[in-house]
Amino acid sequence: MNNVKNKKGFSMVEVLVVMSIIMVLSAVAGLSISVVNNANVSKAAKKLDSMYNDARVTAMAKGEAKGKLTLKVVNGKYYGYIGATPPANIKDWEQISNSAIRIDRDNKPTSYNPDDPASHVVGTVIPEGSSYSFTFTPSGSVKVAGSAGIHPYTNVFTFSHGKRACVFYFYPETGQHGTRIFNL
């Protein structure tokens, strides 16, 4: 009987077991990342909605200058600031989204229906360094906007990653706003 005492390497079964474990762990990690990115998309649109509402209420209570909302893209991240004069240091602004999220801006006709999935067409990517400023009237409507200009149409900001998107929209003449989540 020949005994092999110096056995080197792995059996085929051992290799298959290890590969199976690696594949299962990779699938779970990929799914987790997808869930986190979907949550970040919704969180970003809701954060913008919240800041918009805070600025609008501040303007209605304390005057137009105090309720000015300024948005800016820096290093692929979206930031917001409420107040008359935004600080130069971006660290003093509130971060709305991380760089993994695509942000588009579009203008829709006044007949825009946020509940109609067919109306959610992704617009133009917001370029690096762009900023938008919204000033509200004492009644809560949008009075003026900065460099990008506010149109009398519905203004829509779309936050997306992969197949998930969330829109933040507002109607300038009334100040009405909201968010909707949908799949691309």
Protein backbone atom coordinates (compact mmCIF):
# COMPACT_ATOMS: atom_id res chain seq x y z
CA MET A 1 0.00 0.00 0.00
CA ASN A 2 1.40 3.38 -1.03
CA ASN A 3 0.74 6.24 1.37
CA VAL A 4 1.23 9.73 0.03
CA LYS A 5 2.34 11.83 2.97
CA ASN A 6 3.20 15.01 1.07
CA LYS A 7 -0.18 15.87 -0.48
CA LYS A 8 -0.08 19.39 -2.06
CA GLY A 9 -2.94 21.46 -3.51
CA PHE A 10 -6.69 21.42 -3.09
CA SER A 11 -9.25 18.93 -4.25
CA MET A 12 -11.82 19.98 -6.84
CA VAL A 13 -14.57 19.86 -4.20
CA GLU A 14 -12.69 22.26 -1.92
CA VAL A 15 -12.15 24.71 -4.76
CA LEU A 16 -15.84 24.59 -5.73
CA VAL A 17 -16.96 25.15 -2.13
CA VAL A 18 -14.70 28.20 -1.74
CA MET A 19 -15.84 29.62 -5.11
CA SER A 20 -19.49 29.14 -4.13
CA ILE A 21 -18.98 30.99 -0.87
CA ILE A 22 -17.23 33.88 -2.68
CA MET A 23 -20.07 34.14 -5.21
CA VAL A 24 -22.74 34.23 -2.48
CA LEU A 25 -20.85 36.92 -0.54
CA SER A 26 -20.37 38.99 -3.72
CA ALA A 27 -24.09 38.80 -4.53
CA VAL A 28 -25.04 39.90 -1.01
CA ALA A 29 -22.54 42.79 -1.09
CA GLY A 30 -23.80 43.94 -4.51
CA LEU A 31 -27.40 43.88 -3.33
CA SER A 32 -26.49 45.82 -0.19
CA ILE A 33 -24.73 48.53 -2.21
CA SER A 34 -27.77 48.81 -4.50
CA VAL A 35 -30.13 49.19 -1.53
CA VAL A 36 -27.89 51.89 0.00
CA ASN A 37 -27.70 53.84 -3.29
CA ASN A 38 -31.50 53.66 -3.71
CA ALA A 39 -31.91 55.02 -0.19
CA ASN A 40 -29.41 57.82 -0.94
CA VAL A 41 -31.40 58.86 -4.03
CA SER A 42 -34.58 59.23 -1.98
CA LYS A 43 -32.73 60.92 0.88
CA ALA A 44 -31.19 63.53 -1.47
CA ALA A 45 -34.53 64.54 -3.01
CA LYS A 46 -36.20 64.66 0.40
CA LYS A 47 -33.35 66.80 1.77
CA LEU A 48 -33.77 69.29 -1.09
CA ASP A 49 -37.54 69.29 -0.50
CA SER A 50 -36.98 69.98 3.21
CA MET A 51 -34.50 72.81 2.55
CA TYR A 52 -36.85 74.35 -0.02
CA ASN A 53 -39.70 74.26 2.50
CA ASP A 54 -37.50 75.70 5.30
CA ALA A 55 -36.34 78.57 3.06
CA ARG A 56 -39.90 79.26 1.93
CA VAL A 57 -41.26 79.34 5.49
CA THR A 58 -38.32 81.51 6.63
CA ALA A 59 -38.99 84.01 3.83
CA MET A 60 -42.69 84.13 4.71
CA ALA A 61 -41.89 84.73 8.41
CA LYS A 62 -38.69 86.83 8.33
CA GLY A 63 -38.44 88.35 4.87
CA GLU A 64 -37.13 87.48 1.43
CA ALA A 65 -33.39 87.82 2.12
CA LYS A 66 -33.40 85.46 5.11
CA GLY A 67 -35.25 82.79 3.13
CA LYS A 68 -32.98 82.67 0.11
CA LEU A 69 -32.04 79.09 -0.87
CA THR A 70 -28.80 78.61 -2.80
CA LEU A 71 -27.80 75.26 -4.33
CA LYS A 72 -24.32 74.44 -5.65
CA VAL A 73 -22.45 71.52 -7.26
CA VAL A 74 -18.90 71.01 -5.94
CA ASN A 75 -16.79 67.92 -6.74
CA GLY A 76 -19.89 66.14 -8.00
CA LYS A 77 -21.74 66.65 -4.70
CA TYR A 78 -24.82 68.80 -4.29
CA TYR A 79 -24.92 71.37 -1.43
CA GLY A 80 -27.53 73.80 -0.14
CA TYR A 81 -27.52 76.94 2.02
CA ILE A 82 -30.38 79.00 3.44
CA GLY A 83 -29.64 82.67 4.08
CA ALA A 84 -28.92 85.99 2.41
CA THR A 85 -25.21 85.48 1.67
CA PRO A 86 -23.85 81.94 1.26
CA PRO A 87 -20.42 81.40 2.86
CA ALA A 88 -17.39 80.92 0.61
CA ASN A 89 -16.32 77.71 2.38
CA ILE A 90 -18.43 74.78 1.16
CA LYS A 91 -17.92 73.09 4.56
CA ASP A 92 -20.43 75.60 5.98
CA TRP A 93 -23.13 74.41 3.55
CA GLU A 94 -25.41 71.39 4.01
CA GLN A 95 -24.60 68.41 1.80
CA ILE A 96 -27.67 67.22 -0.10
CA SER A 97 -26.22 64.32 -2.08
CA ASN A 98 -23.04 62.36 -2.60
CA SER A 99 -21.12 62.10 -5.85
CA ALA A 100 -22.59 58.69 -6.78
CA ILE A 101 -25.95 60.31 -7.54
CA ARG A 102 -26.66 61.90 -10.92
CA ILE A 103 -28.56 65.20 -10.69
CA ASP A 104 -30.50 66.56 -13.64
CA ARG A 105 -32.53 69.75 -13.98
CA ASP A 106 -35.38 70.25 -16.38
CA ASN A 107 -38.36 72.50 -16.94
CA LYS A 108 -41.72 70.87 -17.57
CA PRO A 109 -44.90 72.48 -18.91
CA THR A 110 -47.35 73.86 -16.37
CA SER A 111 -49.47 70.76 -17.01
CA TYR A 112 -46.69 68.58 -15.51
CA ASN A 113 -48.18 65.74 -13.45
CA PRO A 114 -45.67 64.30 -10.94
CA ASP A 115 -47.84 61.19 -10.53
CA ASP A 116 -47.56 60.31 -14.24
CA PRO A 117 -44.46 58.10 -14.77
CA ALA A 118 -44.44 59.01 -18.48
CA SER A 119 -43.67 62.64 -17.60
CA HIS A 120 -40.39 61.75 -15.85
CA VAL A 121 -37.87 62.30 -18.61
CA VAL A 122 -34.36 62.89 -17.33
CA GLY A 123 -33.15 66.41 -18.15
CA THR A 124 -29.73 68.01 -18.41
CA VAL A 125 -26.96 67.01 -16.01
CA ILE A 126 -26.16 69.87 -13.66
CA PRO A 127 -22.57 70.93 -14.47
CA GLU A 128 -19.77 71.24 -11.93
CA GLY A 129 -19.64 74.64 -10.26
CA SER A 130 -23.22 75.58 -11.16
CA SER A 131 -25.32 77.34 -8.58
CA TYR A 132 -29.01 78.15 -8.31
CA SER A 133 -30.59 80.66 -5.95
CA PHE A 134 -34.27 80.85 -5.10
CA THR A 135 -35.80 83.85 -3.35
CA PHE A 136 -39.35 83.57 -2.09
CA THR A 137 -42.00 86.27 -1.81
CA PRO A 138 -43.86 86.84 1.47
CA SER A 139 -46.71 84.75 0.00
CA GLY A 140 -44.37 81.79 -0.64
CA SER A 141 -44.04 81.87 -4.42
CA VAL A 142 -40.61 81.88 -6.08
CA LYS A 143 -39.60 85.44 -6.90
CA VAL A 144 -36.19 85.17 -8.58
CA ALA A 145 -33.51 82.64 -9.31
CA GLY A 146 -29.81 82.80 -9.96
CA SER A 147 -27.56 81.80 -12.81
CA ALA A 148 -29.73 79.04 -14.26
CA GLY A 149 -32.92 81.07 -14.31
CA ILE A 150 -36.34 79.99 -13.15
CA HIS A 151 -38.90 79.51 -15.86
CA PRO A 152 -42.64 79.95 -15.39
CA TYR A 153 -42.85 76.21 -15.90
CA THR A 154 -42.57 73.48 -13.34
CA ASN A 155 -38.94 73.11 -12.29
CA VAL A 156 -37.83 69.51 -11.79
CA PHE A 157 -34.62 68.19 -10.21
CA THR A 158 -34.08 64.46 -10.75
CA PHE A 159 -31.77 62.47 -8.46
CA SER A 160 -30.88 59.08 -9.95
CA HIS A 161 -28.56 56.13 -9.56
CA GLY A 162 -28.88 52.97 -11.63
CA LYS A 163 -32.57 52.30 -12.24
CA ARG A 164 -33.88 54.31 -9.28
CA ALA A 165 -34.83 57.98 -9.47
CA CYS A 166 -36.50 60.51 -7.25
CA VAL A 167 -37.74 63.88 -8.44
CA PHE A 168 -38.09 67.10 -6.52
CA TYR A 169 -40.39 69.55 -8.31
CA PHE A 170 -41.87 72.97 -7.65
CA TYR A 171 -44.29 75.36 -9.30
CA PRO A 172 -42.77 78.91 -9.17
CA GLU A 173 -46.07 80.79 -9.21
CA THR A 174 -47.48 79.01 -6.16
CA GLY A 175 -44.40 77.63 -4.42
CA GLN A 176 -46.10 74.21 -4.28
CA HIS A 177 -43.50 71.44 -4.21
CA GLY A 178 -42.99 67.75 -3.58
CA THR A 179 -41.02 64.59 -4.30
CA ARG A 180 -41.86 61.41 -6.21
CA ILE A 181 -39.90 58.15 -6.42
CA PHE A 182 -39.93 56.00 -9.56
CA ASN A 183 -37.93 53.45 -11.53
CA LEU A 184 -36.24 54.38 -14.79
